[in-house]
Amino acid sequence: MKPIPQIEEIIKFYPEFEGVHPLADAFPMKSEDEFWELVEHIRKNGVAYPLLREKGSNLLIDGRARLLALDITVSLFEVEETEPEYVLAHLTARNLHAKSLTSEESAQVKAKLSSIANKEAR
């Protein structure tokens, strides 16, 4: 199985994005098996959900694995924008309950989100 590409290496080729939002990095990436299943799914069916970026900063909020899979499959995609004050709400709604996180991973994500949110509040 090929290694999963690094988002930092790929995102620079997409002018729609200026980078990855720090809150997105609070969530773990898909496992290798899950990632390659996503690649095959997108290859056969296209992408089901648009990528999400923060309005103004153009930072990718949600869709790191999808962007990598889209790059591999050379597929088209759509981008939705959200206002900066709604980034955390969108991320948690789209990821916290949707991903199959262990209780330890969930606790780590919540701690990272809290730490980042506290830094931004200062």
PDB file of N, CA and C in Angstrom:
ATOM      1  N   MET A   1       0.842  -1.179   0.000  1.00  0.00           N
ATOM      2  CA  MET A   1       0.000   0.000   0.000  1.00  0.00           C
ATOM      3  C   MET A   1       0.890   1.246   0.000  1.00  0.00           C
ATOM      4  N   LYS A   2       0.559   2.202  -0.841  1.00  0.00           N
ATOM      5  CA  LYS A   2       1.330   3.436  -0.905  1.00  0.00           C
ATOM      6  C   LYS A   2       1.062   4.285   0.336  1.00  0.00           C
ATOM      7  N   PRO A   3       2.049   5.084   0.740  1.00  0.00           N
ATOM      8  CA  PRO A   3       1.803   5.969   1.885  1.00  0.00           C
ATOM      9  C   PRO A   3       0.822   7.084   1.505  1.00  0.00           C
ATOM     10  N   ILE A   4       0.133   7.586   2.502  1.00  0.00           N
ATOM     11  CA  ILE A   4      -0.799   8.698   2.295  1.00  0.00           C
ATOM     12  C   ILE A   4       0.036   9.962   2.081  1.00  0.00           C
ATOM     13  N   PRO A   5      -0.271  10.735   1.039  1.00  0.00           N
ATOM     14  CA  PRO A   5       0.461  12.000   0.836  1.00  0.00           C
ATOM     15  C   PRO A   5       0.229  12.939   2.023  1.00  0.00           C
ATOM     16  N   GLN A   6       1.131  13.858   2.212  1.00  0.00           N
ATOM     17  CA  GLN A   6       1.005  14.847   3.283  1.00  0.00           C
ATOM     18  C   GLN A   6       0.221  16.046   2.762  1.00  0.00           C
ATOM     19  N   ILE A   7      -0.748  16.501   3.544  1.00  0.00           N
ATOM     20  CA  ILE A   7      -1.590  17.620   3.120  1.00  0.00           C
ATOM     21  C   ILE A   7      -0.750  18.874   2.860  1.00  0.00           C
ATOM     22  N   GLU A   8       0.297  19.101   3.647  1.00  0.00           N
ATOM     23  CA  GLU A   8       1.140  20.285   3.476  1.00  0.00           C
ATOM     24  C   GLU A   8       1.840  20.293   2.117  1.00  0.00           C
ATOM     25  N   GLU A   9       2.126  19.116   1.578  1.00  0.00           N
ATOM     26  CA  GLU A   9       2.781  19.011   0.280  1.00  0.00           C
ATOM     27  C   GLU A   9       1.810  19.244  -0.871  1.00  0.00           C
ATOM     28  N   ILE A  10       0.548  18.889  -0.668  1.00  0.00           N
ATOM     29  CA  ILE A  10      -0.446  18.928  -1.741  1.00  0.00           C
ATOM     30  C   ILE A  10      -1.205  20.249  -1.789  1.00  0.00           C
ATOM     31  N   ILE A  11      -1.536  20.807  -0.636  1.00  0.00           N
ATOM     32  CA  ILE A  11      -2.424  21.973  -0.598  1.00  0.00           C
ATOM     33  C   ILE A  11      -1.836  23.181  -1.319  1.00  0.00           C
ATOM     34  N   LYS A  12      -0.518  23.272  -1.372  1.00  0.00           N
ATOM     35  CA  LYS A  12       0.114  24.423  -2.026  1.00  0.00           C
ATOM     36  C   LYS A  12      -0.167  24.480  -3.529  1.00  0.00           C
ATOM     37  N   PHE A  13      -0.655  23.380  -4.106  1.00  0.00           N
ATOM     38  CA  PHE A  13      -0.984  23.350  -5.528  1.00  0.00           C
ATOM     39  C   PHE A  13      -2.425  23.788  -5.807  1.00  0.00           C
ATOM     40  N   TYR A  14      -3.152  24.133  -4.752  1.00  0.00           N
ATOM     41  CA  TYR A  14      -4.554  24.513  -4.882  1.00  0.00           C
ATOM     42  C   TYR A  14      -4.735  25.960  -4.450  1.00  0.00           C
ATOM     43  N   PRO A  15      -4.891  26.871  -5.417  1.00  0.00           N
ATOM     44  CA  PRO A  15      -5.001  28.300  -5.078  1.00  0.00           C
ATOM     45  C   PRO A  15      -6.258  28.643  -4.277  1.00  0.00           C
ATOM     46  N   GLU A  16      -7.189  27.724  -4.198  1.00  0.00           N
ATOM     47  CA  GLU A  16      -8.398  27.959  -3.405  1.00  0.00           C
ATOM     48  C   GLU A  16      -8.096  28.034  -1.911  1.00  0.00           C
ATOM     49  N   PHE A  17      -6.930  27.523  -1.528  1.00  0.00           N
ATOM     50  CA  PHE A  17      -6.584  27.421  -0.115  1.00  0.00           C
ATOM     51  C   PHE A  17      -5.230  28.066   0.174  1.00  0.00           C
ATOM     52  N   GLU A  18      -5.151  28.694   1.337  1.00  0.00           N
ATOM     53  CA  GLU A  18      -3.901  29.301   1.801  1.00  0.00           C
ATOM     54  C   GLU A  18      -3.177  28.398   2.795  1.00  0.00           C
ATOM     55  N   GLY A  19      -3.779  27.273   3.130  1.00  0.00           N
ATOM     56  CA  GLY A  19      -3.204  26.350   4.096  1.00  0.00           C
ATOM     57  C   GLY A  19      -4.322  25.628   4.827  1.00  0.00           C
ATOM     58  N   VAL A  20      -3.962  24.969   5.927  1.00  0.00           N
ATOM     59  CA  VAL A  20      -4.931  24.226   6.732  1.00  0.00           C
ATOM     60  C   VAL A  20      -5.170  24.997   8.028  1.00  0.00           C
ATOM     61  N   HIS A  21      -6.423  25.155   8.386  1.00  0.00           N
ATOM     62  CA  HIS A  21      -6.767  25.842   9.630  1.00  0.00           C
ATOM     63  C   HIS A  21      -6.229  25.036  10.811  1.00  0.00           C
ATOM     64  N   PRO A  22      -5.666  25.704  11.830  1.00  0.00           N
ATOM     65  CA  PRO A  22      -5.121  24.978  12.985  1.00  0.00           C
ATOM     66  C   PRO A  22      -6.158  24.101  13.696  1.00  0.00           C
ATOM     67  N   LEU A  23      -7.411  24.507  13.695  1.00  0.00           N
ATOM     68  CA  LEU A  23      -8.445  23.692  14.342  1.00  0.00           C
ATOM     69  C   LEU A  23      -8.647  22.362  13.617  1.00  0.00           C
ATOM     70  N   ALA A  24      -8.452  22.348  12.303  1.00  0.00           N
ATOM     71  CA  ALA A  24      -8.616  21.098  11.545  1.00  0.00           C
ATOM     72  C   ALA A  24      -7.589  20.062  11.987  1.00  0.00           C
ATOM     73  N   ASP A  25      -6.408  20.529  12.335  1.00  0.00           N
ATOM     74  CA  ASP A  25      -5.348  19.613  12.752  1.00  0.00           C
ATOM     75  C   ASP A  25      -5.602  18.996  14.118  1.00  0.00           C
ATOM     76  N   ALA A  26      -6.622  19.467  14.823  1.00  0.00           N
ATOM     77  CA  ALA A  26      -6.981  18.855  16.108  1.00  0.00           C
ATOM     78  C   ALA A  26      -7.555  17.458  15.905  1.00  0.00           C
ATOM     79  N   PHE A  27      -8.079  17.207  14.718  1.00  0.00           N
ATOM     80  CA  PHE A  27      -8.686  15.910  14.420  1.00  0.00           C
ATOM     81  C   PHE A  27      -7.680  15.004  13.734  1.00  0.00           C
ATOM     82  N   PRO A  28      -7.653  13.725  14.114  1.00  0.00           N
ATOM     83  CA  PRO A  28      -6.723  12.799  13.455  1.00  0.00           C
ATOM     84  C   PRO A  28      -7.124  12.552  12.002  1.00  0.00           C
ATOM     85  N   MET A  29      -6.124  12.289  11.188  1.00  0.00           N
ATOM     86  CA  MET A  29      -6.396  11.923   9.797  1.00  0.00           C
ATOM     87  C   MET A  29      -6.946  10.495   9.761  1.00  0.00           C
ATOM     88  N   LYS A  30      -7.514  10.131   8.628  1.00  0.00           N
ATOM     89  CA  LYS A  30      -8.022   8.771   8.455  1.00  0.00           C
ATOM     90  C   LYS A  30      -6.864   7.765   8.516  1.00  0.00           C
ATOM     91  N   SER A  31      -7.198   6.545   8.894  1.00  0.00           N
ATOM     92  CA  SER A  31      -6.196   5.485   8.840  1.00  0.00           C
ATOM     93  C   SER A  31      -5.870   5.214   7.366  1.00  0.00           C
ATOM     94  N   GLU A  32      -4.793   4.493   7.117  1.00  0.00           N
ATOM     95  CA  GLU A  32      -4.433   4.179   5.728  1.00  0.00           C
ATOM     96  C   GLU A  32      -5.553   3.431   5.023  1.00  0.00           C
ATOM     97  N   ASP A  33      -6.135   2.423   5.666  1.00  0.00           N
ATOM     98  CA  ASP A  33      -7.223   1.660   5.043  1.00  0.00           C
ATOM     99  C   ASP A  33      -8.418   2.558   4.729  1.00  0.00           C
ATOM    100  N   GLU A  34      -8.809   3.398   5.683  1.00  0.00           N
ATOM    101  CA  GLU A  34      -9.939   4.306   5.465  1.00  0.00           C
ATOM    102  C   GLU A  34      -9.637   5.279   4.333  1.00  0.00           C
ATOM    103  N   PHE A  35      -8.400   5.783   4.298  1.00  0.00           N
ATOM    104  CA  PHE A  35      -8.031   6.731   3.260  1.00  0.00           C
ATOM    105  C   PHE A  35      -8.119   6.105   1.872  1.00  0.00           C
ATOM    106  N   TRP A  36      -7.551   4.918   1.705  1.00  0.00           N
ATOM    107  CA  TRP A  36      -7.562   4.299   0.376  1.00  0.00           C
ATOM    108  C   TRP A  36      -8.964   3.856  -0.029  1.00  0.00           C
ATOM    109  N   GLU A  37      -9.812   3.557   0.950  1.00  0.00           N
ATOM    110  CA  GLU A  37     -11.231   3.298   0.649  1.00  0.00           C
ATOM    111  C   GLU A  37     -11.891   4.576   0.134  1.00  0.00           C
ATOM    112  N   LEU A  38     -11.562   5.711   0.748  1.00  0.00           N
ATOM    113  CA  LEU A  38     -12.093   6.997   0.288  1.00  0.00           C
ATOM    114  C   LEU A  38     -11.641   7.293  -1.133  1.00  0.00           C
ATOM    115  N   VAL A  39     -10.376   7.043  -1.432  1.00  0.00           N
ATOM    116  CA  VAL A  39      -9.854   7.265  -2.788  1.00  0.00           C
ATOM    117  C   VAL A  39     -10.663   6.447  -3.796  1.00  0.00           C
ATOM    118  N   GLU A  40     -10.874   5.180  -3.499  1.00  0.00           N
ATOM    119  CA  GLU A  40     -11.636   4.323  -4.420  1.00  0.00           C
ATOM    120  C   GLU A  40     -13.086   4.778  -4.538  1.00  0.00           C
ATOM    121  N   HIS A  41     -13.671   5.197  -3.433  1.00  0.00           N
ATOM    122  CA  HIS A  41     -15.050   5.684  -3.466  1.00  0.00           C
ATOM    123  C   HIS A  41     -15.158   6.930  -4.363  1.00  0.00           C
ATOM    124  N   ILE A  42     -14.227   7.863  -4.192  1.00  0.00           N
ATOM    125  CA  ILE A  42     -14.252   9.083  -5.012  1.00  0.00           C
ATOM    126  C   ILE A  42     -13.964   8.753  -6.465  1.00  0.00           C
ATOM    127  N   ARG A  43     -13.074   7.819  -6.711  1.00  0.00           N
ATOM    128  CA  ARG A  43     -12.766   7.412  -8.088  1.00  0.00           C
ATOM    129  C   ARG A  43     -14.029   6.886  -8.787  1.00  0.00           C
ATOM    130  N   LYS A  44     -14.836   6.107  -8.051  1.00  0.00           N
ATOM    131  CA  LYS A  44     -16.040   5.504  -8.629  1.00  0.00           C
ATOM    132  C   LYS A  44     -17.242   6.433  -8.635  1.00  0.00           C
ATOM    133  N   ASN A  45     -17.385   7.254  -7.567  1.00  0.00           N
ATOM    134  CA  ASN A  45     -18.630   8.001  -7.373  1.00  0.00           C
ATOM    135  C   ASN A  45     -18.494   9.513  -7.353  1.00  0.00           C
ATOM    136  N   GLY A  46     -17.268  10.009  -7.330  1.00  0.00           N
ATOM    137  CA  GLY A  46     -17.081  11.451  -7.151  1.00  0.00           C
ATOM    138  C   GLY A  46     -17.140  11.780  -5.664  1.00  0.00           C
ATOM    139  N   VAL A  47     -16.921  13.039  -5.365  1.00  0.00           N
ATOM    140  CA  VAL A  47     -16.904  13.462  -3.967  1.00  0.00           C
ATOM    141  C   VAL A  47     -18.323  13.814  -3.528  1.00  0.00           C
ATOM    142  N   ALA A  48     -18.680  13.396  -2.327  1.00  0.00           N
ATOM    143  CA  ALA A  48     -20.051  13.585  -1.840  1.00  0.00           C
ATOM    144  C   ALA A  48     -20.266  14.946  -1.188  1.00  0.00           C
ATOM    145  N   TYR A  49     -19.227  15.507  -0.565  1.00  0.00           N
ATOM    146  CA  TYR A  49     -19.380  16.746   0.188  1.00  0.00           C
ATOM    147  C   TYR A  49     -18.345  17.771  -0.242  1.00  0.00           C
ATOM    148  N   PRO A  50     -18.739  19.041  -0.291  1.00  0.00           N
ATOM    149  CA  PRO A  50     -17.752  20.072  -0.634  1.00  0.00           C
ATOM    150  C   PRO A  50     -16.712  20.232   0.461  1.00  0.00           C
ATOM    151  N   LEU A  51     -15.572  20.766   0.087  1.00  0.00           N
ATOM    152  CA  LEU A  51     -14.538  21.113   1.050  1.00  0.00           C
ATOM    153  C   LEU A  51     -14.956  22.426   1.710  1.00  0.00           C
ATOM    154  N   LEU A  52     -14.549  22.639   2.936  1.00  0.00           N
ATOM    155  CA  LEU A  52     -14.956  23.823   3.681  1.00  0.00           C
ATOM    156  C   LEU A  52     -13.740  24.668   4.016  1.00  0.00           C
ATOM    157  N   ARG A  53     -13.825  25.969   3.706  1.00  0.00           N
ATOM    158  CA  ARG A  53     -12.729  26.872   4.045  1.00  0.00           C
ATOM    159  C   ARG A  53     -13.278  28.076   4.807  1.00  0.00           C
ATOM    160  N   GLU A  54     -12.374  28.703   5.540  1.00  0.00           N
ATOM    161  CA  GLU A  54     -12.732  29.892   6.306  1.00  0.00           C
ATOM    162  C   GLU A  54     -12.729  31.102   5.382  1.00  0.00           C
ATOM    163  N   LYS A  55     -13.814  31.848   5.421  1.00  0.00           N
ATOM    164  CA  LYS A  55     -13.925  33.055   4.600  1.00  0.00           C
ATOM    165  C   LYS A  55     -12.879  34.074   5.058  1.00  0.00           C
ATOM    166  N   GLY A  56     -12.195  34.656   4.101  1.00  0.00           N
ATOM    167  CA  GLY A  56     -11.182  35.669   4.399  1.00  0.00           C
ATOM    168  C   GLY A  56      -9.776  35.098   4.445  1.00  0.00           C
ATOM    169  N   SER A  57      -9.578  34.058   5.232  1.00  0.00           N
ATOM    170  CA  SER A  57      -8.232  33.463   5.343  1.00  0.00           C
ATOM    171  C   SER A  57      -7.996  32.390   4.289  1.00  0.00           C
ATOM    172  N   ASN A  58      -9.074  31.833   3.750  1.00  0.00           N
ATOM    173  CA  ASN A  58      -9.009  30.740   2.778  1.00  0.00           C
ATOM    174  C   ASN A  58      -8.280  29.509   3.317  1.00  0.00           C
ATOM    175  N   LEU A  59      -8.366  29.302   4.626  1.00  0.00           N
ATOM    176  CA  LEU A  59      -7.776  28.111   5.226  1.00  0.00           C
ATOM    177  C   LEU A  59      -8.761  26.951   5.163  1.00  0.00           C
ATOM    178  N   LEU A  60      -8.258  25.789   4.802  1.00  0.00           N
ATOM    179  CA  LEU A  60      -9.082  24.581   4.743  1.00  0.00           C
ATOM    180  C   LEU A  60      -9.496  24.199   6.157  1.00  0.00           C
ATOM    181  N   ILE A  61     -10.802  24.073   6.355  1.00  0.00           N
ATOM    182  CA  ILE A  61     -11.346  23.731   7.669  1.00  0.00           C
ATOM    183  C   ILE A  61     -11.700  22.250   7.721  1.00  0.00           C
ATOM    184  N   ASP A  62     -12.376  21.791   6.699  1.00  0.00           N
ATOM    185  CA  ASP A  62     -12.842  20.405   6.685  1.00  0.00           C
ATOM    186  C   ASP A  62     -12.638  19.824   5.298  1.00  0.00           C
ATOM    187  N   GLY A  63     -11.986  18.639   5.247  1.00  0.00           N
ATOM    188  CA  GLY A  63     -11.806  17.972   3.973  1.00  0.00           C
ATOM    189  C   GLY A  63     -10.358  17.675   3.622  1.00  0.00           C
ATOM    190  N   ARG A  64      -9.500  17.557   4.625  1.00  0.00           N
ATOM    191  CA  ARG A  64      -8.084  17.273   4.337  1.00  0.00           C
ATOM    192  C   ARG A  64      -7.927  15.963   3.573  1.00  0.00           C
ATOM    193  N   ALA A  65      -8.548  14.900   4.059  1.00  0.00           N
ATOM    194  CA  ALA A  65      -8.432  13.599   3.381  1.00  0.00           C
ATOM    195  C   ALA A  65      -9.107  13.639   2.015  1.00  0.00           C
ATOM    196  N   ARG A  66     -10.246  14.337   1.936  1.00  0.00           N
ATOM    197  CA  ARG A  66     -10.923  14.442   0.633  1.00  0.00           C
ATOM    198  C   ARG A  66     -10.054  15.162  -0.377  1.00  0.00           C
ATOM    199  N   LEU A  67      -9.387  16.254   0.035  1.00  0.00           N
ATOM    200  CA  LEU A  67      -8.522  16.977  -0.895  1.00  0.00           C
ATOM    201  C   LEU A  67      -7.379  16.085  -1.374  1.00  0.00           C
ATOM    202  N   LEU A  68      -6.784  15.330  -0.474  1.00  0.00           N
ATOM    203  CA  LEU A  68      -5.726  14.400  -0.873  1.00  0.00           C
ATOM    204  C   LEU A  68      -6.258  13.351  -1.842  1.00  0.00           C
ATOM    205  N   ALA A  69      -7.440  12.813  -1.549  1.00  0.00           N
ATOM    206  CA  ALA A  69      -8.044  11.804  -2.430  1.00  0.00           C
ATOM    207  C   ALA A  69      -8.419  12.419  -3.777  1.00  0.00           C
ATOM    208  N   LEU A  70      -8.904  13.641  -3.757  1.00  0.00           N
ATOM    209  CA  LEU A  70      -9.245  14.328  -5.009  1.00  0.00           C
ATOM    210  C   LEU A  70      -8.003  14.574  -5.849  1.00  0.00           C
ATOM    211  N   ASP A  71      -6.909  14.882  -5.200  1.00  0.00           N
ATOM    212  CA  ASP A  71      -5.656  15.089  -5.919  1.00  0.00           C
ATOM    213  C   ASP A  71      -5.211  13.792  -6.592  1.00  0.00           C
ATOM    214  N   ILE A  72      -5.314  12.694  -5.895  1.00  0.00           N
ATOM    215  CA  ILE A  72      -4.918  11.390  -6.447  1.00  0.00           C
ATOM    216  C   ILE A  72      -5.811  10.991  -7.613  1.00  0.00           C
ATOM    217  N   THR A  73      -7.110  11.234  -7.481  1.00  0.00           N
ATOM    218  CA  THR A  73      -8.063  10.810  -8.509  1.00  0.00           C
ATOM    219  C   THR A  73      -8.274  11.866  -9.590  1.00  0.00           C
ATOM    220  N   VAL A  74      -7.653  13.026  -9.420  1.00  0.00           N
ATOM    221  CA  VAL A  74      -7.806  14.150 -10.349  1.00  0.00           C
ATOM    222  C   VAL A  74      -9.300  14.427 -10.576  1.00  0.00           C
ATOM    223  N   SER A  75     -10.009  14.593  -9.481  1.00  0.00           N
ATOM    224  CA  SER A  75     -11.456  14.824  -9.520  1.00  0.00           C
ATOM    225  C   SER A  75     -11.773  16.289  -9.241  1.00  0.00           C
ATOM    226  N   LEU A  76     -12.918  16.713  -9.737  1.00  0.00           N
ATOM    227  CA  LEU A  76     -13.404  18.058  -9.484  1.00  0.00           C
ATOM    228  C   LEU A  76     -14.022  18.133  -8.093  1.00  0.00           C
ATOM    229  N   PHE A  77     -14.043  19.328  -7.521  1.00  0.00           N
ATOM    230  CA  PHE A  77     -14.642  19.501  -6.206  1.00  0.00           C
ATOM    231  C   PHE A  77     -15.222  20.894  -6.077  1.00  0.00           C
ATOM    232  N   GLU A  78     -16.076  21.050  -5.088  1.00  0.00           N
ATOM    233  CA  GLU A  78     -16.652  22.350  -4.756  1.00  0.00           C
ATOM    234  C   GLU A  78     -16.112  22.785  -3.404  1.00  0.00           C
ATOM    235  N   VAL A  79     -16.140  24.097  -3.190  1.00  0.00           N
ATOM    236  CA  VAL A  79     -15.686  24.661  -1.927  1.00  0.00           C
ATOM    237  C   VAL A  79     -16.811  25.505  -1.348  1.00  0.00           C
ATOM    238  N   GLU A  80     -17.100  25.296  -0.071  1.00  0.00           N
ATOM    239  CA  GLU A  80     -18.024  26.153   0.672  1.00  0.00           C
ATOM    240  C   GLU A  80     -17.201  27.006   1.613  1.00  0.00           C
ATOM    241  N   GLU A  81     -17.718  28.194   1.920  1.00  0.00           N
ATOM    242  CA  GLU A  81     -17.034  29.062   2.873  1.00  0.00           C
ATOM    243  C   GLU A  81     -17.894  29.230   4.118  1.00  0.00           C
ATOM    244  N   THR A  82     -17.222  29.447   5.228  1.00  0.00           N
ATOM    245  CA  THR A  82     -17.910  29.758   6.473  1.00  0.00           C
ATOM    246  C   THR A  82     -17.225  30.949   7.121  1.00  0.00           C
ATOM    247  N   GLU A  83     -18.001  31.733   7.816  1.00  0.00           N
ATOM    248  CA  GLU A  83     -17.469  32.894   8.524  1.00  0.00           C
ATOM    249  C   GLU A  83     -16.550  32.424   9.659  1.00  0.00           C
ATOM    250  N   PRO A  84     -15.529  33.197   9.988  1.00  0.00           N
ATOM    251  CA  PRO A  84     -14.587  32.792  11.034  1.00  0.00           C
ATOM    252  C   PRO A  84     -15.231  32.434  12.372  1.00  0.00           C
ATOM    253  N   GLU A  85     -16.278  33.132  12.747  1.00  0.00           N
ATOM    254  CA  GLU A  85     -16.896  32.848  14.049  1.00  0.00           C
ATOM    255  C   GLU A  85     -17.627  31.511  14.094  1.00  0.00           C
ATOM    256  N   TYR A  86     -17.830  30.867  12.937  1.00  0.00           N
ATOM    257  CA  TYR A  86     -18.530  29.586  12.896  1.00  0.00           C
ATOM    258  C   TYR A  86     -17.612  28.392  12.622  1.00  0.00           C
ATOM    259  N   VAL A  87     -16.312  28.636  12.529  1.00  0.00           N
ATOM    260  CA  VAL A  87     -15.364  27.562  12.198  1.00  0.00           C
ATOM    261  C   VAL A  87     -15.443  26.420  13.207  1.00  0.00           C
ATOM    262  N   LEU A  88     -15.364  26.738  14.479  1.00  0.00           N
ATOM    263  CA  LEU A  88     -15.377  25.698  15.507  1.00  0.00           C
ATOM    264  C   LEU A  88     -16.692  24.914  15.474  1.00  0.00           C
ATOM    265  N   ALA A  89     -17.790  25.606  15.319  1.00  0.00           N
ATOM    266  CA  ALA A  89     -19.092  24.927  15.269  1.00  0.00           C
ATOM    267  C   ALA A  89     -19.178  23.989  14.067  1.00  0.00           C
ATOM    268  N   HIS A  90     -18.716  24.430  12.912  1.00  0.00           N
ATOM    269  CA  HIS A  90     -18.730  23.579  11.719  1.00  0.00           C
ATOM    270  C   HIS A  90     -17.835  22.360  11.893  1.00  0.00           C
ATOM    271  N   LEU A  91     -16.648  22.589  12.416  1.00  0.00           N
ATOM    272  CA  LEU A  91     -15.710  21.482  12.604  1.00  0.00           C
ATOM    273  C   LEU A  91     -16.259  20.419  13.545  1.00  0.00           C
ATOM    274  N   THR A  92     -16.780  20.852  14.658  1.00  0.00           N
ATOM    275  CA  THR A  92     -17.292  19.867  15.614  1.00  0.00           C
ATOM    276  C   THR A  92     -18.522  19.168  15.060  1.00  0.00           C
ATOM    277  N   ALA A  93     -19.391  19.904  14.393  1.00  0.00           N
ATOM    278  CA  ALA A  93     -20.594  19.283  13.832  1.00  0.00           C
ATOM    279  C   ALA A  93     -20.243  18.262  12.757  1.00  0.00           C
ATOM    280  N   ARG A  94     -19.249  18.568  11.946  1.00  0.00           N
ATOM    281  CA  ARG A  94     -18.884  17.683  10.840  1.00  0.00           C
ATOM    282  C   ARG A  94     -17.962  16.544  11.243  1.00  0.00           C
ATOM    283  N   ASN A  95     -17.267  16.684  12.360  1.00  0.00           N
ATOM    284  CA  ASN A  95     -16.230  15.712  12.668  1.00  0.00           C
ATOM    285  C   ASN A  95     -16.324  15.015  14.016  1.00  0.00           C
ATOM    286  N   LEU A  96     -16.670  15.732  15.048  1.00  0.00           N
ATOM    287  CA  LEU A  96     -16.582  15.159  16.384  1.00  0.00           C
ATOM    288  C   LEU A  96     -17.464  13.936  16.549  1.00  0.00           C
ATOM    289  N   HIS A  97     -18.665  13.996  16.004  1.00  0.00           N
ATOM    290  CA  HIS A  97     -19.580  12.869  16.151  1.00  0.00           C
ATOM    291  C   HIS A  97     -19.577  11.957  14.926  1.00  0.00           C
ATOM    292  N   ALA A  98     -19.091  12.466  13.805  1.00  0.00           N
ATOM    293  CA  ALA A  98     -19.111  11.681  12.574  1.00  0.00           C
ATOM    294  C   ALA A  98     -17.965  10.676  12.502  1.00  0.00           C
ATOM    295  N   LYS A  99     -16.831  11.038  13.045  1.00  0.00           N
ATOM    296  CA  LYS A  99     -15.674  10.134  13.000  1.00  0.00           C
ATOM    297  C   LYS A  99     -15.805   9.095  14.098  1.00  0.00           C
ATOM    298  N   SER A 100     -15.291   7.921  13.840  1.00  0.00           N
ATOM    299  CA  SER A 100     -15.310   6.872  14.858  1.00  0.00           C
ATOM    300  C   SER A 100     -14.040   6.997  15.702  1.00  0.00           C
ATOM    301  N   LEU A 101     -14.090   7.917  16.656  1.00  0.00           N
ATOM    302  CA  LEU A 101     -12.959   8.167  17.525  1.00  0.00           C
ATOM    303  C   LEU A 101     -13.071   7.311  18.780  1.00  0.00           C
ATOM    304  N   THR A 102     -11.935   6.840  19.247  1.00  0.00           N
ATOM    305  CA  THR A 102     -11.932   6.166  20.543  1.00  0.00           C
ATOM    306  C   THR A 102     -12.157   7.240  21.610  1.00  0.00           C
ATOM    307  N   SER A 103     -12.471   6.822  22.825  1.00  0.00           N
ATOM    308  CA  SER A 103     -12.686   7.806  23.883  1.00  0.00           C
ATOM    309  C   SER A 103     -11.403   8.594  24.144  1.00  0.00           C
ATOM    310  N   GLU A 104     -10.251   7.945  24.004  1.00  0.00           N
ATOM    311  CA  GLU A 104      -8.973   8.645  24.183  1.00  0.00           C
ATOM    312  C   GLU A 104      -8.761   9.678  23.078  1.00  0.00           C
ATOM    313  N   GLU A 105      -9.031   9.305  21.820  1.00  0.00           N
ATOM    314  CA  GLU A 105      -8.894  10.253  20.702  1.00  0.00           C
ATOM    315  C   GLU A 105      -9.858  11.420  20.867  1.00  0.00           C
ATOM    316  N   SER A 106     -11.074  11.124  21.278  1.00  0.00           N
ATOM    317  CA  SER A 106     -12.063  12.170  21.484  1.00  0.00           C
ATOM    318  C   SER A 106     -11.607  13.153  22.555  1.00  0.00           C
ATOM    319  N   ALA A 107     -11.053  12.641  23.640  1.00  0.00           N
ATOM    320  CA  ALA A 107     -10.543  13.504  24.707  1.00  0.00           C
ATOM    321  C   ALA A 107      -9.375  14.353  24.208  1.00  0.00           C
ATOM    322  N   GLN A 108      -8.494  13.758  23.384  1.00  0.00           N
ATOM    323  CA  GLN A 108      -7.361  14.499  22.832  1.00  0.00           C
ATOM    324  C   GLN A 108      -7.840  15.616  21.904  1.00  0.00           C
ATOM    325  N   VAL A 109      -8.832  15.319  21.073  1.00  0.00           N
ATOM    326  CA  VAL A 109      -9.379  16.323  20.155  1.00  0.00           C
ATOM    327  C   VAL A 109      -9.985  17.472  20.949  1.00  0.00           C
ATOM    328  N   LYS A 110     -10.783  17.144  21.947  1.00  0.00           N
ATOM    329  CA  LYS A 110     -11.426  18.192  22.761  1.00  0.00           C
ATOM    330  C   LYS A 110     -10.380  19.053  23.458  1.00  0.00           C
ATOM    331  N   ALA A 111      -9.319  18.441  23.956  1.00  0.00           N
ATOM    332  CA  ALA A 111      -8.251  19.197  24.613  1.00  0.00           C
ATOM    333  C   ALA A 111      -7.541  20.119  23.618  1.00  0.00           C
ATOM    334  N   LYS A 112      -7.252  19.621  22.429  1.00  0.00           N
ATOM    335  CA  LYS A 112      -6.598  20.440  21.405  1.00  0.00           C
ATOM    336  C   LYS A 112      -7.488  21.602  20.987  1.00  0.00           C
ATOM    337  N   LEU A 113      -8.776  21.317  20.762  1.00  0.00           N
ATOM    338  CA  LEU A 113      -9.720  22.373  20.367  1.00  0.00           C
ATOM    339  C   LEU A 113      -9.815  23.437  21.442  1.00  0.00           C
ATOM    340  N   SER A 114      -9.880  23.009  22.681  1.00  0.00           N
ATOM    341  CA  SER A 114      -9.974  23.946  23.797  1.00  0.00           C
ATOM    342  C   SER A 114      -8.723  24.820  23.882  1.00  0.00           C
ATOM    343  N   SER A 115      -7.569  24.198  23.727  1.00  0.00           N
ATOM    344  CA  SER A 115      -6.302  24.930  23.781  1.00  0.00           C
ATOM    345  C   SER A 115      -6.226  25.979  22.672  1.00  0.00           C
ATOM    346  N   ILE A 116      -6.591  25.592  21.469  1.00  0.00           N
ATOM    347  CA  ILE A 116      -6.539  26.518  20.324  1.00  0.00           C
ATOM    348  C   ILE A 116      -7.560  27.631  20.504  1.00  0.00           C
ATOM    349  N   ALA A 117      -8.758  27.290  20.933  1.00  0.00           N
ATOM    350  CA  ALA A 117      -9.803  28.292  21.134  1.00  0.00           C
ATOM    351  C   ALA A 117      -9.395  29.285  22.219  1.00  0.00           C
ATOM    352  N   ASN A 118      -8.748  28.807  23.285  1.00  0.00           N
ATOM    353  CA  ASN A 118      -8.277  29.696  24.350  1.00  0.00           C
ATOM    354  C   ASN A 118      -7.191  30.644  23.848  1.00  0.00           C
ATOM    355  N   LYS A 119      -6.287  30.156  22.997  1.00  0.00           N
ATOM    356  CA  LYS A 119      -5.241  31.009  22.434  1.00  0.00           C
ATOM    357  C   LYS A 119      -5.836  32.089  21.544  1.00  0.00           C
ATOM    358  N   GLU A 120      -6.862  31.711  20.741  1.00  0.00           N
ATOM    359  CA  GLU A 120      -7.491  32.676  19.842  1.00  0.00           C
ATOM    360  C   GLU A 120      -8.283  33.720  20.622  1.00  0.00           C
ATOM    361  N   ALA A 121      -8.790  33.360  21.791  1.00  0.00           N
ATOM    362  CA  ALA A 121      -9.597  34.287  22.592  1.00  0.00           C
ATOM    363  C   ALA A 121      -8.736  35.364  23.247  1.00  0.00           C
ATOM    364  N   ARG A 122      -7.441  35.126  23.369  1.00  0.00           N
ATOM    365  CA  ARG A 122      -6.547  36.097  24.023  1.00  0.00           C
ATOM    366  C   ARG A 122      -6.255  37.255  23.167  1.00  0.00           C
TER     367      ARG A 122
END
